[in-house]
N, C-alpha and C. Protein backbone atom coordinates (compact mmCIF):
# COMPACT_ATOMS: atom_id res chain seq x y z
N UNK A 1 93.00 31.05 2.12
CA UNK A 1 93.44 30.67 0.79
C UNK A 1 92.28 30.02 0.01
N UNK A 2 91.60 29.03 0.61
CA UNK A 2 90.51 28.33 -0.06
C UNK A 2 89.40 29.30 -0.44
N UNK A 3 89.04 30.23 0.47
CA UNK A 3 87.96 31.18 0.17
C UNK A 3 88.36 32.11 -0.96
N UNK A 4 89.63 32.49 -1.03
CA UNK A 4 90.09 33.34 -2.14
C UNK A 4 89.96 32.60 -3.46
N UNK A 5 90.32 31.32 -3.48
CA UNK A 5 90.19 30.50 -4.67
C UNK A 5 88.74 30.40 -5.11
N UNK A 6 87.84 30.14 -4.17
CA UNK A 6 86.41 30.01 -4.49
C UNK A 6 85.85 31.33 -5.02
N UNK A 7 86.23 32.43 -4.40
CA UNK A 7 85.77 33.74 -4.87
C UNK A 7 86.30 34.02 -6.26
N UNK A 8 87.56 33.67 -6.52
CA UNK A 8 88.14 33.88 -7.85
C UNK A 8 87.39 33.08 -8.90
N UNK A 9 87.08 31.82 -8.60
CA UNK A 9 86.32 31.00 -9.54
C UNK A 9 84.94 31.59 -9.79
N UNK A 10 84.28 32.05 -8.75
CA UNK A 10 82.95 32.64 -8.89
C UNK A 10 83.02 33.89 -9.75
N UNK A 11 84.02 34.71 -9.55
CA UNK A 11 84.16 35.93 -10.35
C UNK A 11 84.47 35.59 -11.81
N UNK A 12 85.30 34.57 -12.03
CA UNK A 12 85.61 34.17 -13.41
C UNK A 12 84.36 33.69 -14.12
N UNK A 13 83.54 32.91 -13.45
CA UNK A 13 82.30 32.42 -14.06
C UNK A 13 81.37 33.57 -14.37
N UNK A 14 81.31 34.53 -13.47
CA UNK A 14 80.42 35.68 -13.68
C UNK A 14 80.91 36.55 -14.84
N UNK A 15 82.21 36.76 -14.93
CA UNK A 15 82.76 37.62 -15.97
C UNK A 15 82.52 37.02 -17.35
N UNK A 16 82.60 35.70 -17.47
CA UNK A 16 82.52 35.06 -18.78
C UNK A 16 81.11 34.72 -19.23
N UNK A 17 80.12 34.88 -18.37
CA UNK A 17 78.74 34.57 -18.75
C UNK A 17 78.24 35.61 -19.75
N UNK A 18 77.63 35.13 -20.81
CA UNK A 18 77.02 36.02 -21.81
C UNK A 18 75.54 36.19 -21.48
N UNK A 19 75.01 37.34 -21.81
CA UNK A 19 73.58 37.58 -21.60
C UNK A 19 72.91 37.87 -22.94
N UNK A 20 71.64 37.53 -23.01
CA UNK A 20 70.85 37.69 -24.23
C UNK A 20 69.50 38.27 -23.86
N UNK A 21 69.03 39.23 -24.65
CA UNK A 21 67.75 39.88 -24.38
C UNK A 21 66.61 39.04 -24.97
N UNK A 22 65.66 38.68 -24.11
CA UNK A 22 64.45 37.98 -24.54
C UNK A 22 63.45 39.04 -24.99
N UNK A 23 63.09 38.99 -26.27
CA UNK A 23 62.19 39.99 -26.85
C UNK A 23 60.79 39.45 -27.10
N UNK A 24 60.65 38.13 -27.11
CA UNK A 24 59.34 37.50 -27.27
C UNK A 24 59.42 36.08 -26.71
N UNK A 25 58.25 35.50 -26.48
CA UNK A 25 58.19 34.14 -25.95
C UNK A 25 57.13 33.33 -26.68
N UNK A 26 57.38 32.03 -26.78
CA UNK A 26 56.39 31.10 -27.31
C UNK A 26 56.26 29.93 -26.34
N UNK A 27 55.16 29.19 -26.48
CA UNK A 27 54.94 28.00 -25.66
C UNK A 27 54.68 26.81 -26.56
N UNK A 28 54.97 25.62 -26.05
CA UNK A 28 54.68 24.36 -26.73
C UNK A 28 54.18 23.36 -25.70
N UNK A 29 53.08 22.70 -26.00
CA UNK A 29 52.57 21.61 -25.15
C UNK A 29 52.99 20.29 -25.79
N UNK A 30 53.66 19.45 -25.02
CA UNK A 30 54.25 18.22 -25.52
C UNK A 30 53.52 17.00 -24.96
N UNK A 31 53.29 16.01 -25.83
CA UNK A 31 52.76 14.72 -25.36
C UNK A 31 53.68 13.60 -25.83
N UNK A 32 53.69 12.53 -25.05
CA UNK A 32 54.44 11.32 -25.40
C UNK A 32 53.45 10.16 -25.34
N UNK A 33 53.26 9.51 -26.50
CA UNK A 33 52.29 8.41 -26.63
C UNK A 33 50.91 8.80 -26.11
N UNK A 34 50.49 10.01 -26.44
CA UNK A 34 49.16 10.48 -26.08
C UNK A 34 49.03 11.00 -24.66
N UNK A 35 50.09 10.91 -23.86
CA UNK A 35 50.05 11.41 -22.48
C UNK A 35 50.65 12.82 -22.44
N UNK A 36 49.87 13.76 -21.93
CA UNK A 36 50.35 15.14 -21.81
C UNK A 36 51.52 15.19 -20.84
N UNK A 37 52.65 15.72 -21.31
CA UNK A 37 53.85 15.79 -20.47
C UNK A 37 54.07 17.18 -19.88
N UNK A 38 53.58 18.22 -20.55
CA UNK A 38 53.74 19.55 -19.99
C UNK A 38 54.03 20.60 -21.04
N UNK A 39 54.21 21.80 -20.54
CA UNK A 39 54.43 22.96 -21.39
C UNK A 39 55.88 23.42 -21.30
N UNK A 40 56.43 23.78 -22.45
CA UNK A 40 57.77 24.37 -22.53
C UNK A 40 57.59 25.82 -22.96
N UNK A 41 58.18 26.74 -22.21
CA UNK A 41 58.14 28.16 -22.57
C UNK A 41 59.54 28.57 -23.00
N UNK A 42 59.62 29.17 -24.18
CA UNK A 42 60.90 29.54 -24.78
C UNK A 42 60.98 31.05 -24.90
N UNK A 43 62.06 31.62 -24.37
CA UNK A 43 62.36 33.03 -24.56
C UNK A 43 63.23 33.18 -25.79
N UNK A 44 62.86 34.09 -26.69
CA UNK A 44 63.57 34.21 -27.96
C UNK A 44 64.38 35.50 -28.04
N UNK A 45 65.56 35.38 -28.67
CA UNK A 45 66.55 36.45 -28.75
C UNK A 45 66.39 37.24 -30.05
N UNK A 46 65.39 38.12 -30.09
CA UNK A 46 65.08 38.87 -31.31
C UNK A 46 66.15 39.85 -31.75
N UNK A 47 67.00 40.31 -30.84
CA UNK A 47 68.10 41.20 -31.23
C UNK A 47 69.26 40.42 -31.82
N UNK A 48 69.45 39.19 -31.37
CA UNK A 48 70.56 38.36 -31.84
C UNK A 48 70.26 37.67 -33.17
N UNK A 49 69.02 37.26 -33.35
CA UNK A 49 68.64 36.47 -34.54
C UNK A 49 67.23 36.83 -34.98
N UNK A 50 67.02 38.06 -35.48
CA UNK A 50 65.65 38.51 -35.78
C UNK A 50 64.92 37.68 -36.83
N UNK A 51 65.58 37.27 -37.90
CA UNK A 51 64.90 36.48 -38.93
C UNK A 51 64.53 35.09 -38.41
N UNK A 52 65.44 34.50 -37.66
CA UNK A 52 65.20 33.17 -37.12
C UNK A 52 64.05 33.20 -36.11
N UNK A 53 64.06 34.21 -35.25
CA UNK A 53 62.98 34.35 -34.26
C UNK A 53 61.64 34.53 -34.96
N UNK A 54 61.58 35.37 -35.97
CA UNK A 54 60.31 35.60 -36.66
C UNK A 54 59.84 34.34 -37.37
N UNK A 55 60.75 33.59 -37.98
CA UNK A 55 60.40 32.33 -38.63
C UNK A 55 59.80 31.35 -37.61
N UNK A 56 60.48 31.18 -36.49
CA UNK A 56 60.01 30.23 -35.47
C UNK A 56 58.70 30.69 -34.85
N UNK A 57 58.61 31.96 -34.52
CA UNK A 57 57.38 32.49 -33.93
C UNK A 57 56.21 32.32 -34.88
N UNK A 58 56.42 32.61 -36.16
CA UNK A 58 55.36 32.47 -37.16
C UNK A 58 54.89 31.02 -37.24
N UNK A 59 55.82 30.08 -37.25
CA UNK A 59 55.45 28.67 -37.31
C UNK A 59 54.68 28.27 -36.05
N UNK A 60 55.11 28.76 -34.89
CA UNK A 60 54.40 28.44 -33.63
C UNK A 60 52.99 29.02 -33.62
N UNK A 61 52.83 30.22 -34.10
CA UNK A 61 51.52 30.89 -34.05
C UNK A 61 50.58 30.36 -35.12
N UNK A 62 51.09 30.14 -36.32
CA UNK A 62 50.24 29.77 -37.44
C UNK A 62 50.20 28.27 -37.71
N UNK A 63 51.06 27.52 -37.04
CA UNK A 63 50.99 26.07 -37.11
C UNK A 63 51.75 25.45 -38.25
N UNK A 64 52.05 24.19 -38.06
CA UNK A 64 52.75 23.37 -39.04
C UNK A 64 52.43 21.92 -38.67
N UNK A 65 52.30 21.04 -39.61
CA UNK A 65 51.97 19.65 -39.32
C UNK A 65 53.17 18.74 -39.54
N UNK A 66 53.40 17.85 -38.64
CA UNK A 66 54.36 16.77 -38.75
C UNK A 66 55.80 17.18 -38.77
N UNK A 67 56.71 17.06 -37.98
CA UNK A 67 58.08 17.56 -37.94
C UNK A 67 58.70 17.91 -39.27
N UNK A 68 58.78 16.96 -40.16
CA UNK A 68 59.35 17.21 -41.49
C UNK A 68 58.18 17.29 -42.45
N UNK A 69 57.78 18.51 -42.74
CA UNK A 69 56.57 18.71 -43.54
C UNK A 69 56.79 18.54 -45.03
N UNK A 70 58.05 18.43 -45.44
CA UNK A 70 58.34 18.34 -46.87
C UNK A 70 58.44 16.88 -47.32
N UNK A 71 59.37 16.13 -46.73
CA UNK A 71 59.61 14.77 -47.21
C UNK A 71 59.26 13.67 -46.21
N UNK A 72 59.00 14.03 -44.95
CA UNK A 72 58.60 13.05 -43.96
C UNK A 72 59.70 12.14 -43.46
N UNK A 73 60.96 12.39 -43.86
CA UNK A 73 62.05 11.51 -43.44
C UNK A 73 63.14 12.24 -42.65
N UNK A 74 62.85 13.45 -42.20
CA UNK A 74 63.84 14.21 -41.44
C UNK A 74 64.79 15.04 -42.28
N UNK A 75 64.66 14.99 -43.60
CA UNK A 75 65.55 15.75 -44.48
C UNK A 75 64.89 16.96 -45.12
N UNK A 76 63.59 17.10 -44.99
CA UNK A 76 62.89 18.22 -45.61
C UNK A 76 62.82 19.42 -44.69
N UNK A 77 62.70 20.58 -45.28
CA UNK A 77 62.61 21.80 -44.47
C UNK A 77 61.98 22.90 -45.29
N UNK A 78 61.37 23.84 -44.59
CA UNK A 78 60.76 24.99 -45.24
C UNK A 78 60.76 26.12 -44.22
N UNK A 79 60.77 27.35 -44.70
CA UNK A 79 60.72 28.50 -43.80
C UNK A 79 59.72 29.50 -44.33
N UNK A 80 59.46 30.55 -43.56
CA UNK A 80 58.56 31.60 -44.05
C UNK A 80 59.22 32.43 -45.13
N UNK A 81 60.53 32.25 -45.32
CA UNK A 81 61.28 33.01 -46.32
C UNK A 81 61.50 32.22 -47.61
N UNK A 82 60.97 31.03 -47.70
CA UNK A 82 61.23 30.14 -48.84
C UNK A 82 61.80 28.84 -48.30
N UNK A 83 62.51 28.11 -49.14
CA UNK A 83 63.04 26.82 -48.69
C UNK A 83 64.00 26.99 -47.51
N UNK A 84 65.01 27.83 -47.65
CA UNK A 84 66.00 28.04 -46.61
C UNK A 84 66.20 29.53 -46.36
N UNK A 85 66.82 29.84 -45.22
CA UNK A 85 67.29 31.21 -44.98
C UNK A 85 68.66 31.14 -44.29
N UNK A 86 69.36 32.26 -44.31
CA UNK A 86 70.76 32.31 -43.89
C UNK A 86 70.92 32.22 -42.37
N UNK A 87 72.12 31.80 -41.98
CA UNK A 87 72.49 31.75 -40.57
C UNK A 87 72.58 33.17 -40.01
N UNK A 88 72.36 33.28 -38.71
CA UNK A 88 72.52 34.56 -38.02
C UNK A 88 73.36 34.33 -36.76
N UNK A 89 74.26 35.25 -36.50
CA UNK A 89 75.00 35.31 -35.23
C UNK A 89 75.45 33.96 -34.71
N UNK A 90 76.38 33.36 -35.41
CA UNK A 90 76.87 32.05 -35.00
C UNK A 90 77.83 32.12 -33.80
N UNK A 91 77.95 33.29 -33.20
CA UNK A 91 78.87 33.45 -32.06
C UNK A 91 78.30 32.99 -30.73
N UNK A 92 76.99 32.73 -30.64
CA UNK A 92 76.42 32.24 -29.39
C UNK A 92 76.79 30.76 -29.27
N UNK A 93 77.37 30.40 -28.13
CA UNK A 93 77.85 29.03 -27.92
C UNK A 93 76.80 28.15 -27.25
N UNK A 94 76.89 26.88 -27.54
CA UNK A 94 76.03 25.85 -26.95
C UNK A 94 76.62 25.48 -25.58
N UNK A 95 76.64 26.43 -24.67
CA UNK A 95 77.39 26.29 -23.42
C UNK A 95 76.59 25.69 -22.27
N UNK A 96 75.30 25.50 -22.44
CA UNK A 96 74.50 24.92 -21.36
C UNK A 96 73.23 24.31 -21.93
N UNK A 97 72.48 23.64 -21.08
CA UNK A 97 71.22 23.07 -21.52
C UNK A 97 70.18 24.17 -21.70
N UNK A 98 69.19 23.88 -22.51
CA UNK A 98 68.07 24.80 -22.69
C UNK A 98 68.14 25.73 -23.87
N UNK A 99 69.26 25.77 -24.59
CA UNK A 99 69.32 26.62 -25.78
C UNK A 99 68.52 25.97 -26.91
N UNK A 100 67.81 26.80 -27.66
CA UNK A 100 67.07 26.32 -28.83
C UNK A 100 67.77 26.89 -30.06
N UNK A 101 68.00 26.02 -31.05
CA UNK A 101 68.75 26.41 -32.24
C UNK A 101 68.15 25.74 -33.47
N UNK A 102 68.52 26.27 -34.62
CA UNK A 102 68.06 25.71 -35.88
C UNK A 102 68.90 24.49 -36.27
N UNK A 103 68.22 23.39 -36.57
CA UNK A 103 68.90 22.24 -37.17
C UNK A 103 69.07 22.59 -38.65
N UNK A 104 70.18 22.19 -39.23
CA UNK A 104 70.41 22.53 -40.63
C UNK A 104 71.23 21.44 -41.31
N UNK A 105 71.44 21.61 -42.61
CA UNK A 105 72.21 20.64 -43.40
C UNK A 105 73.52 21.24 -43.85
N UNK A 106 73.92 22.36 -43.23
CA UNK A 106 75.14 23.06 -43.59
C UNK A 106 74.88 24.56 -43.54
N UNK A 107 75.86 25.35 -43.94
CA UNK A 107 75.70 26.80 -43.87
C UNK A 107 74.47 27.29 -44.64
N UNK A 108 73.73 28.19 -44.00
CA UNK A 108 72.60 28.89 -44.62
C UNK A 108 71.49 27.97 -45.12
N UNK A 109 71.21 26.90 -44.38
CA UNK A 109 70.14 25.97 -44.76
C UNK A 109 69.10 25.85 -43.63
N UNK A 110 68.76 26.96 -43.01
CA UNK A 110 67.76 26.96 -41.94
C UNK A 110 66.37 26.91 -42.53
N UNK A 111 65.49 26.17 -41.89
CA UNK A 111 64.11 26.05 -42.36
C UNK A 111 63.15 26.04 -41.19
N UNK A 112 62.61 24.86 -40.86
CA UNK A 112 61.65 24.75 -39.76
C UNK A 112 62.11 23.78 -38.67
N UNK A 113 63.20 23.08 -38.88
CA UNK A 113 63.65 22.09 -37.90
C UNK A 113 64.52 22.75 -36.84
N UNK A 114 64.34 22.32 -35.60
CA UNK A 114 65.06 22.92 -34.48
C UNK A 114 65.42 21.84 -33.47
N UNK A 115 66.27 22.20 -32.53
CA UNK A 115 66.60 21.31 -31.41
C UNK A 115 66.78 22.14 -30.16
N UNK A 116 66.70 21.47 -29.02
CA UNK A 116 66.93 22.09 -27.72
C UNK A 116 68.04 21.31 -27.04
N UNK A 117 69.07 22.02 -26.58
CA UNK A 117 70.18 21.33 -25.92
C UNK A 117 69.76 20.82 -24.55
N UNK A 118 70.33 19.67 -24.18
CA UNK A 118 70.08 19.11 -22.85
C UNK A 118 71.38 19.05 -22.04
N UNK A 119 72.45 19.56 -22.63
CA UNK A 119 73.75 19.65 -21.97
C UNK A 119 74.61 20.57 -22.84
N UNK A 120 75.77 21.00 -22.36
CA UNK A 120 76.65 21.76 -23.23
C UNK A 120 77.00 20.93 -24.47
N UNK A 121 77.06 21.58 -25.63
CA UNK A 121 77.33 20.87 -26.89
C UNK A 121 78.31 21.70 -27.74
N UNK A 122 79.57 21.84 -27.29
CA UNK A 122 80.51 22.72 -27.98
C UNK A 122 80.81 22.32 -29.43
N UNK A 123 80.62 21.05 -29.81
CA UNK A 123 80.86 20.62 -31.18
C UNK A 123 79.87 21.25 -32.17
N UNK A 124 78.79 21.84 -31.66
CA UNK A 124 77.81 22.51 -32.52
C UNK A 124 78.09 24.01 -32.68
N UNK A 125 79.03 24.54 -31.89
CA UNK A 125 79.33 25.97 -31.94
C UNK A 125 79.75 26.40 -33.34
N UNK A 126 79.25 27.56 -33.76
CA UNK A 126 79.61 28.13 -35.05
C UNK A 126 78.93 27.49 -36.24
N UNK A 127 78.02 26.54 -36.01
CA UNK A 127 77.36 25.82 -37.10
C UNK A 127 75.85 26.00 -37.12
N UNK A 128 75.26 26.42 -36.00
CA UNK A 128 73.81 26.50 -35.87
C UNK A 128 73.42 27.81 -35.19
N UNK A 129 72.37 28.44 -35.68
CA UNK A 129 71.87 29.68 -35.10
C UNK A 129 71.08 29.38 -33.83
N UNK A 130 71.62 29.83 -32.70
CA UNK A 130 70.88 29.76 -31.43
C UNK A 130 70.00 30.99 -31.38
N UNK A 131 68.71 30.80 -31.11
CA UNK A 131 67.79 31.94 -31.13
C UNK A 131 66.92 32.05 -29.89
N UNK A 132 67.16 31.20 -28.90
CA UNK A 132 66.36 31.30 -27.69
C UNK A 132 66.82 30.34 -26.62
N UNK A 133 66.11 30.38 -25.50
CA UNK A 133 66.43 29.51 -24.37
C UNK A 133 65.14 29.13 -23.65
N UNK A 134 65.09 27.89 -23.19
CA UNK A 134 63.94 27.42 -22.42
C UNK A 134 63.91 28.18 -21.10
N UNK A 135 62.79 28.83 -20.83
CA UNK A 135 62.60 29.56 -19.59
C UNK A 135 61.89 28.71 -18.55
N UNK A 136 61.02 27.83 -19.01
CA UNK A 136 60.27 26.94 -18.12
C UNK A 136 59.95 25.67 -18.89
N UNK A 137 60.07 24.53 -18.24
CA UNK A 137 59.72 23.27 -18.89
C UNK A 137 60.91 22.46 -19.37
N UNK A 138 62.12 22.75 -18.90
CA UNK A 138 63.27 21.95 -19.32
C UNK A 138 63.10 20.50 -18.88
N UNK A 139 62.35 20.27 -17.81
CA UNK A 139 62.06 18.90 -17.38
C UNK A 139 61.29 18.12 -18.44
N UNK A 140 60.40 18.80 -19.15
CA UNK A 140 59.66 18.17 -20.25
C UNK A 140 60.64 17.80 -21.37
N UNK A 141 61.57 18.70 -21.66
CA UNK A 141 62.59 18.43 -22.68
C UNK A 141 63.40 17.19 -22.29
N UNK A 142 63.76 17.09 -21.01
CA UNK A 142 64.52 15.92 -20.56
C UNK A 142 63.69 14.64 -20.66
N UNK A 143 62.38 14.71 -20.46
CA UNK A 143 61.53 13.52 -20.65
C UNK A 143 61.59 13.05 -22.10
N UNK A 144 61.57 13.99 -23.04
CA UNK A 144 61.70 13.64 -24.46
C UNK A 144 63.06 13.01 -24.71
N UNK A 145 64.10 13.61 -24.14
CA UNK A 145 65.47 13.11 -24.31
C UNK A 145 65.61 11.67 -23.83
N UNK A 146 64.91 11.29 -22.79
CA UNK A 146 65.06 9.97 -22.17
C UNK A 146 64.31 8.86 -22.90
N UNK A 147 63.56 9.18 -23.94
CA UNK A 147 62.78 8.16 -24.63
C UNK A 147 63.68 7.24 -25.45
N UNK A 148 63.28 5.99 -25.52
CA UNK A 148 64.01 4.99 -26.30
C UNK A 148 63.95 5.36 -27.78
N UNK A 149 65.04 5.07 -28.49
CA UNK A 149 65.09 5.33 -29.94
C UNK A 149 65.33 4.01 -30.68
N UNK A 150 64.98 4.03 -31.97
CA UNK A 150 65.19 2.84 -32.79
C UNK A 150 66.60 2.87 -33.38
N UNK A 151 66.89 1.94 -34.28
CA UNK A 151 68.24 1.85 -34.86
C UNK A 151 68.60 3.05 -35.72
N UNK A 152 67.60 3.80 -36.19
CA UNK A 152 67.86 5.02 -36.96
C UNK A 152 67.88 6.26 -36.07
N UNK A 153 67.81 6.07 -34.77
CA UNK A 153 67.84 7.14 -33.76
C UNK A 153 66.57 7.98 -33.73
N UNK A 154 65.46 7.42 -34.23
CA UNK A 154 64.16 8.08 -34.12
C UNK A 154 63.49 7.61 -32.83
N UNK A 155 62.74 8.47 -32.14
CA UNK A 155 62.06 8.04 -30.92
C UNK A 155 61.07 6.90 -31.21
N UNK A 156 61.05 5.91 -30.33
CA UNK A 156 60.09 4.81 -30.45
C UNK A 156 58.68 5.29 -30.11
N UNK A 157 58.49 6.00 -28.99
CA UNK A 157 57.13 6.50 -28.72
C UNK A 157 56.80 7.67 -29.65
N UNK A 158 55.53 7.94 -29.79
CA UNK A 158 55.08 9.08 -30.58
C UNK A 158 55.18 10.34 -29.73
N UNK A 159 56.00 11.28 -30.17
CA UNK A 159 56.19 12.55 -29.46
C UNK A 159 55.58 13.64 -30.32
N UNK A 160 54.64 14.39 -29.75
CA UNK A 160 53.89 15.39 -30.52
C UNK A 160 53.90 16.73 -29.79
N UNK A 161 54.11 17.80 -30.57
CA UNK A 161 53.84 19.14 -30.08
C UNK A 161 52.35 19.33 -30.31
N UNK A 162 51.56 19.22 -29.25
CA UNK A 162 50.10 19.24 -29.35
C UNK A 162 49.55 20.63 -29.66
N UNK A 163 50.25 21.63 -29.21
CA UNK A 163 49.83 23.00 -29.44
C UNK A 163 51.00 23.93 -29.18
N UNK A 164 50.95 25.11 -29.77
CA UNK A 164 52.00 26.10 -29.55
C UNK A 164 51.47 27.46 -29.94
N UNK A 165 52.13 28.50 -29.46
CA UNK A 165 51.71 29.85 -29.78
C UNK A 165 52.51 30.89 -29.03
N UNK A 166 52.11 32.15 -29.20
CA UNK A 166 52.75 33.25 -28.48
C UNK A 166 52.47 33.12 -27.00
N UNK A 167 53.47 33.39 -26.20
CA UNK A 167 53.30 33.42 -24.74
C UNK A 167 53.40 34.88 -24.31
N UNK A 168 52.39 35.39 -23.62
CA UNK A 168 52.42 36.81 -23.25
C UNK A 168 53.60 37.14 -22.34
N UNK A 169 54.14 38.33 -22.53
CA UNK A 169 55.22 38.79 -21.67
C UNK A 169 55.15 40.30 -21.53
N UNK A 170 55.74 40.82 -20.49
CA UNK A 170 55.82 42.26 -20.29
C UNK A 170 57.02 42.81 -21.03
N UNK A 171 57.83 43.56 -20.33
CA UNK A 171 59.03 44.14 -20.92
C UNK A 171 60.05 43.06 -21.23
N UNK A 172 60.94 43.37 -22.18
CA UNK A 172 62.02 42.44 -22.48
C UNK A 172 62.92 42.31 -21.25
N UNK A 173 63.67 41.23 -21.19
CA UNK A 173 64.57 40.98 -20.07
C UNK A 173 65.73 40.15 -20.59
N UNK A 174 66.75 39.96 -19.76
CA UNK A 174 67.92 39.20 -20.20
C UNK A 174 67.99 37.85 -19.49
N UNK A 175 68.58 36.89 -20.20
CA UNK A 175 68.92 35.59 -19.63
C UNK A 175 70.41 35.38 -19.89
N UNK A 176 70.97 34.44 -19.18
CA UNK A 176 72.40 34.19 -19.26
C UNK A 176 72.68 32.79 -19.78
N UNK A 177 73.89 32.59 -20.26
CA UNK A 177 74.31 31.24 -20.61
C UNK A 177 75.00 30.54 -19.43
N UNK A 178 74.96 31.18 -18.28
CA UNK A 178 75.54 30.61 -17.07
C UNK A 178 74.74 29.37 -16.66
N UNK A 179 75.35 28.18 -16.66
CA UNK A 179 74.60 26.97 -16.32
C UNK A 179 74.12 26.93 -14.87
N UNK A 180 74.65 27.81 -14.02
CA UNK A 180 74.26 27.83 -12.61
C UNK A 180 73.17 28.84 -12.33
N UNK A 181 72.76 29.58 -13.34
CA UNK A 181 71.73 30.61 -13.14
C UNK A 181 70.35 30.03 -13.30
């Protein structure tokens, strides 16, 4: 009886897992207070969110200075398409850690700001375009997550993306939203 239950649960988890094709990859080198913490490699879902992927890839390859390049207070944003661009495929759920999505100020206000989930975040479902997943370096993301913040919820230490760019890859492949994969 117990083994049947376990097999049923395993099959249910497998049936409900969604897969996404990684069509390109980028890397980011992160430092905290001047100490190199490591590299994060992100696989991007070009079939699910082509405009978002191209915007993010372009920013990674061609560079951008200072998180909020417009106003410096976390409210500014810009994209390769102008100030904002529209949401894409809001059906991908924030079901596990490692998803990368566009931060926005409401519908169709995507620019250059992004976040990476460190746990399932269902309250964000249907509101933010998920366009990729961390393939390597989630430990670095967790180091950023663990940093002390001030009363405005900004990190106390200086956290910098020291470098970023295209990460070479062969053929496209799929990743899953299964948290056990």
